[in-house]
Amino acid sequence: MPNPVWSLGLRRTVHATDPGPRVPLTVMNSRNLKIDNLKGLMIACVVLGHAIDIIPESSGWRDGGGWSALYSAIYLFHMPVFVFISGYLSSSKPITELARGILFTYVVAQVAYFVFNVALSPFGAPLVGIMTVINLGMYPGYGLWYLLSLFLWRSAIPLLTSSRYPLLMLLLLCGYAACIGTTRLDGTLSLSRTFTFLPFFAAGYWSKLNGWKITESPFRLPDVGVGVLALGTSVFLTGYAYRNSLLLLHLNFPFHMTETHISAGCLFRLGMFLADFGIIRLLFLIVPSSPTLFTRCGARSLSIYLGHLYVLYLLRILLPGSIWTSQLWWLAPLFTVSSCAVFAYFDVERILQRLRPTRGAFSGWIQLRFGVLKSRFLRQVPRGSGRAGRRRRYRCATRAGPRRRIQSHARRAVPARTASSRLRDRRPSTRALRAAAPPASPAETSPPPDAP
């Protein structure tokens, strides 16, 4: 009997060529166009939100007029939806694979951000000093917090998979994320956003794992109530953030920095979770599963995400603030459209894949070091332990397909102590038996009388 509370759903397999209005969320051997359209729409909202970010900053977060209202409406839902999609598309991978992928991309982006500061320091960028280098490791660059948080979220997937009651765990995560604003946790290593956006990532992962109805395409009658509740809550929360502090929508700052009471801040975050989950359900109902203008943007969302950050940072340094503020009505739409159009065809992800360390050398190096340490702990010298052996092991680790060679070398270096080998070690040799035997008498050595 299915659970009526959006917990479990019947999985069905529908091929991409079948007719009918029901289009599956998982299409074999092809991209999911619904997910690509959602990602493209959300990445366009990310670019637009970053473009108009200067208006609330220059106006004290309160007197920005229509731009602040648009800013609060965008920041209410765009990152929660994006994090939900990231959880939906995630799967369990080894930590080494995550380090080669997401963490390496974050490190490259951080170094590029530092290089931008160095290059643009004569034009008004922050001066580069020892504190800049320290902050480079402690605080993500402008907009780069998502990569570090994504690495931490995907590292926690084994814990999410082992959960026996995902719906109950999701409610506990929402309560913890709402109350974490009472602490002093800030943007250091993006820990605050990691914990506050974790319910959306977990919900996306569990919806794919357990077949939750929040991601199903068919329209149902309860969706009308969900939509009305989500839209009403969104309007109330947007107005509250517009009147008090738009920092509440970032889910990053403690409540004392937003000048909000603890109880009001916790209720605001709980209402935001409720509204965002309802908006996610509505978007999965509204967004089409056919190719649109946002499809290619969704397929290249990482390129758009990384590319527009540095272009926007460059424009803010070179252009005066007064020009950017007065001409924002056409600069922000132009920047959004041009960034999505250019970086959708300029594949940054392929460049990062060429820069990443190869999987064989990385895993082979780890296996080689582990084998050497194991042999040392067992007080056994591996075969070829001199200079020639080190050269041979290094060549083996850097060749194509070194995993099989490293494993075979480890088996030769650390022989297994089987039962036959132990028995052979305890058995005395023939030379030892001859030495221990008593000398033969002359009568025993003389031949018998009838011998020829």
Protein backbone atom coordinates (compact mmCIF):
# COMPACT_ATOMS: atom_id res chain seq x y z
CA MET A 1 0.00 0.00 0.00
CA PRO A 2 1.65 3.29 -1.05
CA ASN A 3 2.27 6.00 1.48
CA PRO A 4 -0.06 9.00 0.89
CA VAL A 5 2.46 11.54 2.25
CA TRP A 6 4.77 11.99 -0.77
CA SER A 7 7.08 9.34 0.56
CA LEU A 8 6.90 6.38 -1.80
CA GLY A 9 5.64 6.10 -5.34
CA LEU A 10 5.27 3.37 -7.90
CA ARG A 11 8.12 3.36 -10.34
CA ARG A 12 7.27 2.92 -13.96
CA THR A 13 9.55 2.50 -16.95
CA VAL A 14 8.52 4.46 -20.03
CA HIS A 15 10.74 4.60 -23.08
CA ALA A 16 11.53 7.87 -24.78
CA THR A 17 9.78 6.78 -28.00
CA ASP A 18 6.42 5.92 -26.39
CA PRO A 19 3.56 8.29 -27.23
CA GLY A 20 1.42 10.00 -24.65
CA PRO A 21 1.60 13.00 -22.33
CA ARG A 22 3.59 11.21 -19.64
CA VAL A 23 7.30 11.77 -20.20
CA PRO A 24 9.67 9.96 -17.80
CA LEU A 25 12.21 11.72 -15.66
CA THR A 26 14.83 9.13 -16.54
CA VAL A 27 15.48 8.59 -20.22
CA MET A 28 17.90 5.83 -21.06
CA ASN A 29 20.86 6.67 -23.31
CA SER A 30 19.82 10.33 -23.65
CA ARG A 31 19.67 13.50 -21.59
CA ASN A 32 16.69 14.35 -19.44
CA LEU A 33 15.20 17.39 -21.19
CA LYS A 34 13.00 18.34 -18.25
CA ILE A 35 16.01 18.48 -15.93
CA ASP A 36 18.01 20.41 -18.54
CA ASN A 37 15.21 22.95 -18.91
CA LEU A 38 14.98 23.36 -15.15
CA LYS A 39 18.74 23.80 -14.83
CA GLY A 40 18.78 26.31 -17.69
CA LEU A 41 16.00 28.36 -16.11
CA MET A 42 17.71 28.33 -12.73
CA ILE A 43 21.14 29.26 -14.08
CA ALA A 44 19.54 32.22 -15.90
CA CYS A 45 18.06 33.30 -12.55
CA VAL A 46 21.50 32.93 -10.95
CA VAL A 47 23.12 35.21 -13.55
CA LEU A 48 20.32 37.79 -13.28
CA GLY A 49 20.46 37.74 -9.49
CA HIS A 50 24.20 38.37 -9.51
CA ALA A 51 23.77 41.17 -12.06
CA ILE A 52 21.26 43.11 -9.93
CA ASP A 53 23.05 42.31 -6.69
CA ILE A 54 24.71 45.72 -6.65
CA ILE A 55 21.41 47.61 -6.20
CA PRO A 56 20.50 46.18 -2.77
CA GLU A 57 24.15 46.46 -1.70
CA SER A 58 24.36 50.17 -2.58
CA SER A 59 20.96 51.00 -1.11
CA GLY A 60 21.35 49.38 2.30
CA TRP A 61 19.22 46.36 1.36
CA ARG A 62 15.96 48.25 1.86
CA ASP A 63 15.43 51.15 -0.55
CA GLY A 64 16.17 49.41 -3.83
CA GLY A 65 12.62 49.69 -5.11
CA GLY A 66 11.55 47.27 -7.81
CA TRP A 67 15.05 45.82 -8.22
CA SER A 68 15.12 44.76 -4.57
CA ALA A 69 11.68 43.17 -4.95
CA LEU A 70 12.90 41.22 -7.99
CA TYR A 71 16.06 40.29 -6.12
CA SER A 72 14.10 38.93 -3.16
CA ALA A 73 11.77 36.98 -5.45
CA ILE A 74 14.69 35.35 -7.28
CA TYR A 75 16.70 34.51 -4.18
CA LEU A 76 13.68 32.94 -2.52
CA PHE A 77 13.68 29.86 -4.77
CA HIS A 78 16.48 29.72 -7.36
CA MET A 79 19.25 28.15 -5.25
CA PRO A 80 16.96 25.71 -3.37
CA VAL A 81 15.68 24.42 -6.73
CA PHE A 82 19.21 24.18 -8.10
CA VAL A 83 20.43 22.26 -5.04
CA PHE A 84 17.42 19.92 -5.28
CA ILE A 85 18.29 19.13 -8.91
CA SER A 86 21.91 18.54 -7.90
CA GLY A 87 20.77 15.98 -5.35
CA TYR A 88 18.47 14.37 -7.88
CA LEU A 89 21.34 13.91 -10.34
CA SER A 90 23.89 12.74 -7.74
CA SER A 91 25.03 9.21 -7.08
CA SER A 92 27.42 7.54 -4.70
CA LYS A 93 31.06 7.82 -5.82
CA PRO A 94 34.41 7.20 -4.12
CA ILE A 95 35.97 10.13 -2.34
CA THR A 96 38.92 10.05 -4.76
CA GLU A 97 36.57 10.49 -7.71
CA LEU A 98 34.87 13.44 -6.00
CA ALA A 99 38.25 14.98 -5.25
CA ARG A 100 39.28 14.65 -8.90
CA GLY A 101 36.01 16.20 -10.08
CA ILE A 102 34.26 18.76 -7.89
CA LEU A 103 37.05 19.58 -5.47
CA PHE A 104 39.58 20.02 -8.27
CA THR A 105 37.17 22.37 -10.06
CA TYR A 106 36.76 24.40 -6.87
CA VAL A 107 40.53 24.68 -6.38
CA VAL A 108 41.04 25.84 -9.97
CA ALA A 109 38.24 28.41 -9.61
CA GLN A 110 39.71 29.71 -6.34
CA VAL A 111 43.16 30.09 -7.89
CA ALA A 112 41.62 31.91 -10.87
CA TYR A 113 39.81 34.23 -8.45
CA PHE A 114 43.14 34.98 -6.72
CA VAL A 115 44.80 35.67 -10.09
CA PHE A 116 41.97 38.06 -10.96
CA ASN A 117 42.56 39.96 -7.73
CA VAL A 118 46.27 40.21 -8.48
CA ALA A 119 45.71 41.36 -12.07
CA LEU A 120 42.97 43.87 -11.22
CA SER A 121 44.49 45.31 -8.05
CA PRO A 122 45.78 48.43 -9.91
CA PHE A 123 42.23 49.12 -11.12
CA GLY A 124 40.51 49.04 -7.74
CA ALA A 125 40.36 45.36 -6.80
CA PRO A 126 41.16 44.43 -3.18
CA LEU A 127 44.87 44.53 -2.45
CA VAL A 128 46.65 41.19 -2.33
CA GLY A 129 48.41 40.40 0.90
CA ILE A 130 48.93 37.68 3.44
CA MET A 131 45.28 37.92 4.56
CA THR A 132 44.15 37.45 0.97
CA VAL A 133 46.10 34.20 0.78
CA ILE A 134 44.64 33.04 4.10
CA ASN A 135 41.12 33.94 3.01
CA LEU A 136 41.71 32.05 -0.22
CA GLY A 137 41.78 28.81 1.75
CA MET A 138 39.13 29.72 4.34
CA TYR A 139 36.47 31.59 2.36
CA PRO A 140 35.23 30.70 -1.14
CA GLY A 141 35.44 33.40 -3.80
CA TYR A 142 32.49 35.35 -5.11
CA GLY A 143 29.77 32.80 -5.90
CA LEU A 144 32.09 29.77 -5.57
CA TRP A 145 30.57 28.45 -2.35
CA TYR A 146 28.32 26.10 -4.31
CA LEU A 147 31.23 23.93 -5.54
CA LEU A 148 32.63 23.37 -2.06
CA SER A 149 29.18 22.65 -0.63
CA LEU A 150 28.43 20.24 -3.49
CA PHE A 151 31.60 18.31 -2.67
CA LEU A 152 30.53 18.03 0.98
CA TRP A 153 26.97 17.02 0.06
CA ARG A 154 28.07 14.27 -2.30
CA SER A 155 30.58 13.04 0.25
CA ALA A 156 27.63 12.50 2.62
CA ILE A 157 25.63 10.39 0.13
CA PRO A 158 26.55 7.07 1.84
CA LEU A 159 24.96 8.43 5.02
CA LEU A 160 21.84 9.46 3.12
CA THR A 161 21.61 6.05 1.46
CA SER A 162 21.79 4.21 4.77
CA SER A 163 18.84 6.14 6.23
CA ARG A 164 15.88 3.84 6.86
CA TYR A 165 13.32 6.62 7.38
CA PRO A 166 14.14 9.34 4.83
CA LEU A 167 10.97 11.39 5.35
CA LEU A 168 11.53 11.61 9.10
CA MET A 169 15.20 12.42 8.53
CA LEU A 170 14.22 15.18 6.09
CA LEU A 171 12.00 16.81 8.73
CA LEU A 172 14.85 16.67 11.25
CA LEU A 173 17.25 18.21 8.73
CA CYS A 174 14.82 21.07 8.08
CA GLY A 175 14.50 21.75 11.80
CA TYR A 176 18.27 21.70 12.27
CA ALA A 177 18.83 23.99 9.28
CA ALA A 178 16.27 26.43 10.66
CA CYS A 179 17.90 26.55 14.08
CA ILE A 180 21.50 26.78 12.85
CA GLY A 181 21.02 30.53 12.36
CA THR A 182 21.13 30.93 16.13
CA THR A 183 24.83 29.98 16.15
CA ARG A 184 27.88 31.99 15.09
CA LEU A 185 28.46 29.83 12.02
CA ASP A 186 29.21 32.03 9.00
CA GLY A 187 30.63 31.56 5.51
CA THR A 188 33.87 29.89 6.62
CA LEU A 189 34.44 26.95 4.25
CA SER A 190 30.81 27.46 3.21
CA LEU A 191 29.67 25.46 6.25
CA SER A 192 26.61 27.60 6.97
CA ARG A 193 25.17 27.19 3.47
CA THR A 194 26.17 23.53 3.45
CA PHE A 195 23.98 22.79 6.46
CA THR A 196 21.08 25.07 5.53
CA PHE A 197 20.77 23.80 1.94
CA LEU A 198 21.34 20.16 2.90
CA PRO A 199 17.57 19.40 3.19
CA PHE A 200 17.06 20.31 -0.48
CA PHE A 201 19.97 18.13 -1.62
CA ALA A 202 18.79 15.23 0.52
CA ALA A 203 15.21 15.61 -0.73
CA GLY A 204 16.41 15.52 -4.35
CA TYR A 205 18.52 12.43 -3.76
CA TRP A 206 15.81 10.60 -1.82
CA SER A 207 13.15 11.49 -4.38
CA LYS A 208 15.11 9.63 -7.04
CA LEU A 209 16.09 6.80 -4.70
CA ASN A 210 12.62 6.18 -3.25
CA GLY A 211 10.39 7.38 -6.11
CA TRP A 212 8.79 10.28 -4.26
CA LYS A 213 5.84 11.90 -6.01
CA ILE A 214 7.32 15.39 -5.87
CA THR A 215 9.18 14.72 -9.14
CA GLU A 216 6.38 12.95 -11.05
CA SER A 217 4.97 14.66 -14.11
CA PRO A 218 1.21 13.87 -13.96
CA PHE A 219 -0.99 16.55 -12.41
CA ARG A 220 -3.05 15.61 -9.36
CA LEU A 221 -5.81 17.43 -7.53
CA PRO A 222 -3.76 18.02 -4.33
CA ASP A 223 -1.28 19.97 -6.45
CA VAL A 224 -3.77 22.86 -6.55
CA GLY A 225 -3.59 23.23 -2.79
CA VAL A 226 0.18 22.83 -2.85
CA GLY A 227 0.50 25.60 -5.43
CA VAL A 228 -1.78 28.01 -3.56
CA LEU A 229 0.04 27.37 -0.28
CA ALA A 230 3.48 27.75 -1.87
CA LEU A 231 2.64 30.97 -3.72
CA GLY A 232 0.93 32.52 -0.69
CA THR A 233 3.87 31.68 1.58
CA SER A 234 6.31 32.99 -1.02
CA VAL A 235 4.55 36.35 -1.26
CA PHE A 236 4.53 36.72 2.51
CA LEU A 237 8.20 35.77 2.90
CA THR A 238 9.28 38.05 0.05
CA GLY A 239 7.50 41.00 1.63
CA TYR A 240 8.94 40.22 5.04
CA ALA A 241 12.50 40.01 3.69
CA TYR A 242 11.99 43.20 1.64
CA ARG A 243 10.84 45.14 4.71
CA ASN A 244 13.45 43.76 7.13
CA SER A 245 16.62 42.39 5.54
CA LEU A 246 17.29 40.61 2.27
CA LEU A 247 20.15 38.81 3.99
CA LEU A 248 17.56 36.37 5.32
CA LEU A 249 17.20 34.89 1.82
CA HIS A 250 20.88 33.91 1.62
CA LEU A 251 20.55 31.28 4.38
CA ASN A 252 24.14 32.09 5.23
CA PHE A 253 24.23 34.73 7.94
CA PRO A 254 23.38 34.29 11.64
CA PHE A 255 20.22 35.96 12.82
CA HIS A 256 22.06 38.62 14.81
CA MET A 257 23.67 39.91 11.59
CA THR A 258 20.26 40.30 9.93
CA GLU A 259 18.80 42.16 12.94
CA THR A 260 16.10 39.51 13.26
CA HIS A 261 14.81 37.88 16.41
CA ILE A 262 15.71 34.22 16.86
CA SER A 263 12.11 32.97 16.82
CA ALA A 264 11.24 35.08 13.76
CA GLY A 265 14.35 33.86 11.94
CA CYS A 266 13.60 30.19 12.64
CA LEU A 267 10.00 30.58 11.50
CA PHE A 268 11.17 32.40 8.37
CA ARG A 269 13.47 29.52 7.40
CA LEU A 270 10.79 26.90 8.08
CA GLY A 271 8.34 28.85 5.93
CA MET A 272 11.02 29.14 3.23
CA PHE A 273 11.50 25.35 3.22
CA LEU A 274 7.75 24.85 2.88
CA ALA A 275 7.43 27.37 0.06
CA ASP A 276 10.45 26.06 -1.84
CA PHE A 277 9.31 22.45 -1.82
CA GLY A 278 5.95 23.59 -3.16
CA ILE A 279 7.67 25.65 -5.88
CA ILE A 280 9.79 22.62 -6.82
CA ARG A 281 6.63 20.58 -7.30
CA LEU A 282 5.06 23.32 -9.44
CA LEU A 283 8.17 23.66 -11.59
CA PHE A 284 8.25 19.92 -12.26
CA LEU A 285 4.64 20.23 -13.43
CA ILE A 286 5.09 23.35 -15.57
CA VAL A 287 8.52 22.94 -17.18
CA PRO A 288 8.18 21.03 -20.48
CA SER A 289 10.08 17.90 -21.42
CA SER A 290 10.73 19.06 -24.97
CA PRO A 291 13.70 21.11 -26.26
CA THR A 292 13.46 24.83 -25.44
CA LEU A 293 15.78 27.84 -25.27
CA PHE A 294 16.94 26.74 -21.83
CA THR A 295 17.88 23.19 -22.78
CA ARG A 296 21.41 23.90 -23.94
CA CYS A 297 21.94 26.30 -21.04
CA GLY A 298 21.00 23.52 -18.65
CA ALA A 299 23.37 21.09 -20.32
CA ARG A 300 26.22 23.62 -19.96
CA SER A 301 25.19 25.06 -16.60
CA LEU A 302 28.67 24.61 -15.10
CA SER A 303 30.26 26.62 -17.91
CA ILE A 304 27.75 29.44 -17.49
CA TYR A 305 28.11 29.36 -13.73
CA LEU A 306 31.90 29.65 -13.76
CA GLY A 307 32.20 31.96 -16.77
CA HIS A 308 29.78 34.69 -15.77
CA LEU A 309 31.34 35.13 -12.32
CA TYR A 310 34.66 36.40 -13.62
CA VAL A 311 33.12 38.54 -16.36
CA LEU A 312 30.82 40.18 -13.83
CA TYR A 313 33.71 40.68 -11.42
CA LEU A 314 35.70 42.34 -14.20
CA LEU A 315 32.81 44.65 -15.16
CA ARG A 316 32.23 45.74 -11.58
CA ILE A 317 35.88 46.68 -11.18
CA LEU A 318 36.23 48.52 -14.50
CA LEU A 319 32.83 50.24 -14.69
CA PRO A 320 32.00 52.97 -12.15
CA GLY A 321 29.25 52.14 -9.69
CA SER A 322 27.10 55.09 -10.74
CA ILE A 323 27.03 53.97 -14.38
CA TRP A 324 26.24 50.39 -13.43
CA THR A 325 23.43 51.51 -11.12
CA SER A 326 21.83 54.03 -13.47
CA GLN A 327 21.97 51.78 -16.55
CA LEU A 328 21.04 48.55 -14.83
CA TRP A 329 17.65 48.36 -16.59
CA TRP A 330 19.39 47.32 -19.82
CA LEU A 331 22.79 46.12 -18.54
CA ALA A 332 21.36 43.34 -16.37
CA PRO A 333 19.18 41.71 -19.12
CA LEU A 334 21.96 42.11 -21.69
CA PHE A 335 24.54 40.58 -19.38
CA THR A 336 22.21 37.66 -18.55
CA VAL A 337 21.38 36.83 -22.17
CA SER A 338 24.94 37.27 -23.45
CA SER A 339 26.48 35.18 -20.66
CA CYS A 340 24.04 32.32 -21.20
CA ALA A 341 24.47 32.48 -24.98
CA VAL A 342 28.27 32.67 -25.03
CA PHE A 343 29.17 30.19 -22.30
CA ALA A 344 26.54 27.71 -23.47
CA TYR A 345 28.73 27.16 -26.54
CA PHE A 346 32.08 27.62 -24.80
CA ASP A 347 32.59 24.36 -22.93
CA VAL A 348 34.56 25.17 -19.79
CA GLU A 349 33.93 21.70 -18.40
CA ARG A 350 35.91 20.07 -21.21
CA ILE A 351 38.89 22.30 -20.42
CA LEU A 352 38.70 21.31 -16.76
CA GLN A 353 38.57 17.64 -17.71
CA ARG A 354 41.85 18.03 -19.59
CA LEU A 355 43.46 19.67 -16.57
CA ARG A 356 42.31 17.03 -14.10
CA PRO A 357 44.79 14.34 -13.04
CA THR A 358 44.19 11.02 -14.75
CA ARG A 359 42.25 8.44 -12.85
CA GLY A 360 44.83 5.68 -13.34
CA ALA A 361 47.81 7.64 -12.09
CA PHE A 362 45.90 9.00 -9.10
CA SER A 363 44.48 5.65 -7.95
CA GLY A 364 47.69 3.81 -8.86
CA TRP A 365 49.75 6.16 -6.71
CA ILE A 366 47.46 5.54 -3.74
CA GLN A 367 47.54 1.77 -4.21
CA LEU A 368 51.31 1.78 -4.62
CA ARG A 369 51.90 3.77 -1.44
CA PHE A 370 49.46 1.58 0.47
CA GLY A 371 51.24 -1.56 -0.71
CA VAL A 372 54.66 -0.23 0.28
CA LEU A 373 53.43 0.81 3.73
CA LYS A 374 51.77 -2.57 4.19
CA SER A 375 54.99 -4.40 3.32
CA ARG A 376 56.95 -2.21 5.73
CA PHE A 377 54.52 -2.84 8.56
CA LEU A 378 54.80 -6.59 7.92
CA ARG A 379 58.63 -6.26 8.04
CA GLN A 380 58.96 -7.73 4.56
CA VAL A 381 61.15 -6.10 1.95
CA PRO A 382 59.30 -5.97 -1.39
CA ARG A 383 60.94 -7.30 -4.47
CA GLY A 384 63.03 -4.63 -6.16
CA SER A 385 63.35 -2.28 -3.18
CA GLY A 386 66.42 -0.47 -4.51
CA ARG A 387 66.73 2.33 -7.04
CA ALA A 388 65.76 0.08 -9.94
CA GLY A 389 62.69 -1.10 -8.07
CA ARG A 390 61.60 2.45 -7.32
CA ARG A 391 61.97 3.36 -10.98
CA ARG A 392 60.01 0.29 -12.02
CA ARG A 393 57.18 1.07 -9.60
CA TYR A 394 57.06 4.71 -10.73
CA ARG A 395 56.86 3.70 -14.40
CA CYS A 396 54.16 1.20 -13.50
CA ALA A 397 52.15 3.88 -11.69
CA THR A 398 52.30 6.39 -14.53
CA ARG A 399 51.52 4.08 -17.44
CA ALA A 400 48.05 3.58 -18.91
CA GLY A 401 45.98 1.14 -16.95
CA PRO A 402 48.29 0.80 -13.93
CA ARG A 403 45.70 -0.63 -11.55
CA ARG A 404 46.16 -4.24 -12.67
CA ARG A 405 49.95 -3.87 -12.75
CA ILE A 406 50.06 -2.25 -9.33
CA GLN A 407 47.90 -4.99 -7.86
CA SER A 408 50.02 -7.76 -9.42
CA HIS A 409 53.19 -6.04 -8.20
CA ALA A 410 51.73 -5.75 -4.70
CA ARG A 411 50.94 -9.48 -4.77
CA ARG A 412 54.52 -10.22 -5.74
CA ALA A 413 55.94 -7.77 -3.21
CA VAL A 414 53.84 -9.03 -0.29
CA PRO A 415 53.35 -12.80 -0.79
CA ALA A 416 50.34 -14.31 0.88
CA ARG A 417 51.03 -16.62 3.84
CA THR A 418 48.98 -19.62 2.78
CA ALA A 419 48.72 -22.92 4.65
CA SER A 420 51.04 -24.69 2.23
CA SER A 421 53.71 -21.99 2.58
CA ARG A 422 53.54 -22.14 6.36
CA LEU A 423 53.81 -25.94 6.26
CA ARG A 424 56.77 -25.66 3.90
CA ASP A 425 58.50 -23.24 6.26
CA ARG A 426 58.09 -25.61 9.22
CA ARG A 427 59.28 -28.68 7.26
CA PRO A 428 63.07 -29.28 7.64
CA SER A 429 65.18 -29.36 4.54
CA THR A 430 67.03 -32.43 3.20
CA ARG A 431 70.41 -30.99 4.16
CA ALA A 432 69.21 -30.47 7.73
CA LEU A 433 67.96 -34.07 7.91
CA ARG A 434 71.31 -35.42 6.69
CA ALA A 435 73.23 -33.34 9.19
CA ALA A 436 71.04 -34.50 12.07
CA ALA A 437 71.17 -38.22 11.13
CA PRO A 438 73.77 -40.44 13.04
CA PRO A 439 76.77 -41.73 11.04
CA ALA A 440 76.29 -45.16 9.45
CA SER A 441 78.32 -48.17 10.75
CA PRO A 442 80.69 -50.17 8.41
CA ALA A 443 78.42 -53.23 8.59
CA GLU A 444 75.53 -51.18 7.25
CA THR A 445 77.59 -49.79 4.40
CA SER A 446 79.17 -53.22 3.31
CA PRO A 447 77.24 -55.12 0.62
CA PRO A 448 75.56 -58.47 1.44
CA PRO A 449 77.53 -61.71 0.71
CA ASP A 450 75.33 -62.83 -2.16
CA ALA A 451 75.64 -59.56 -4.00
CA PRO A 452 77.41 -59.73 -7.35
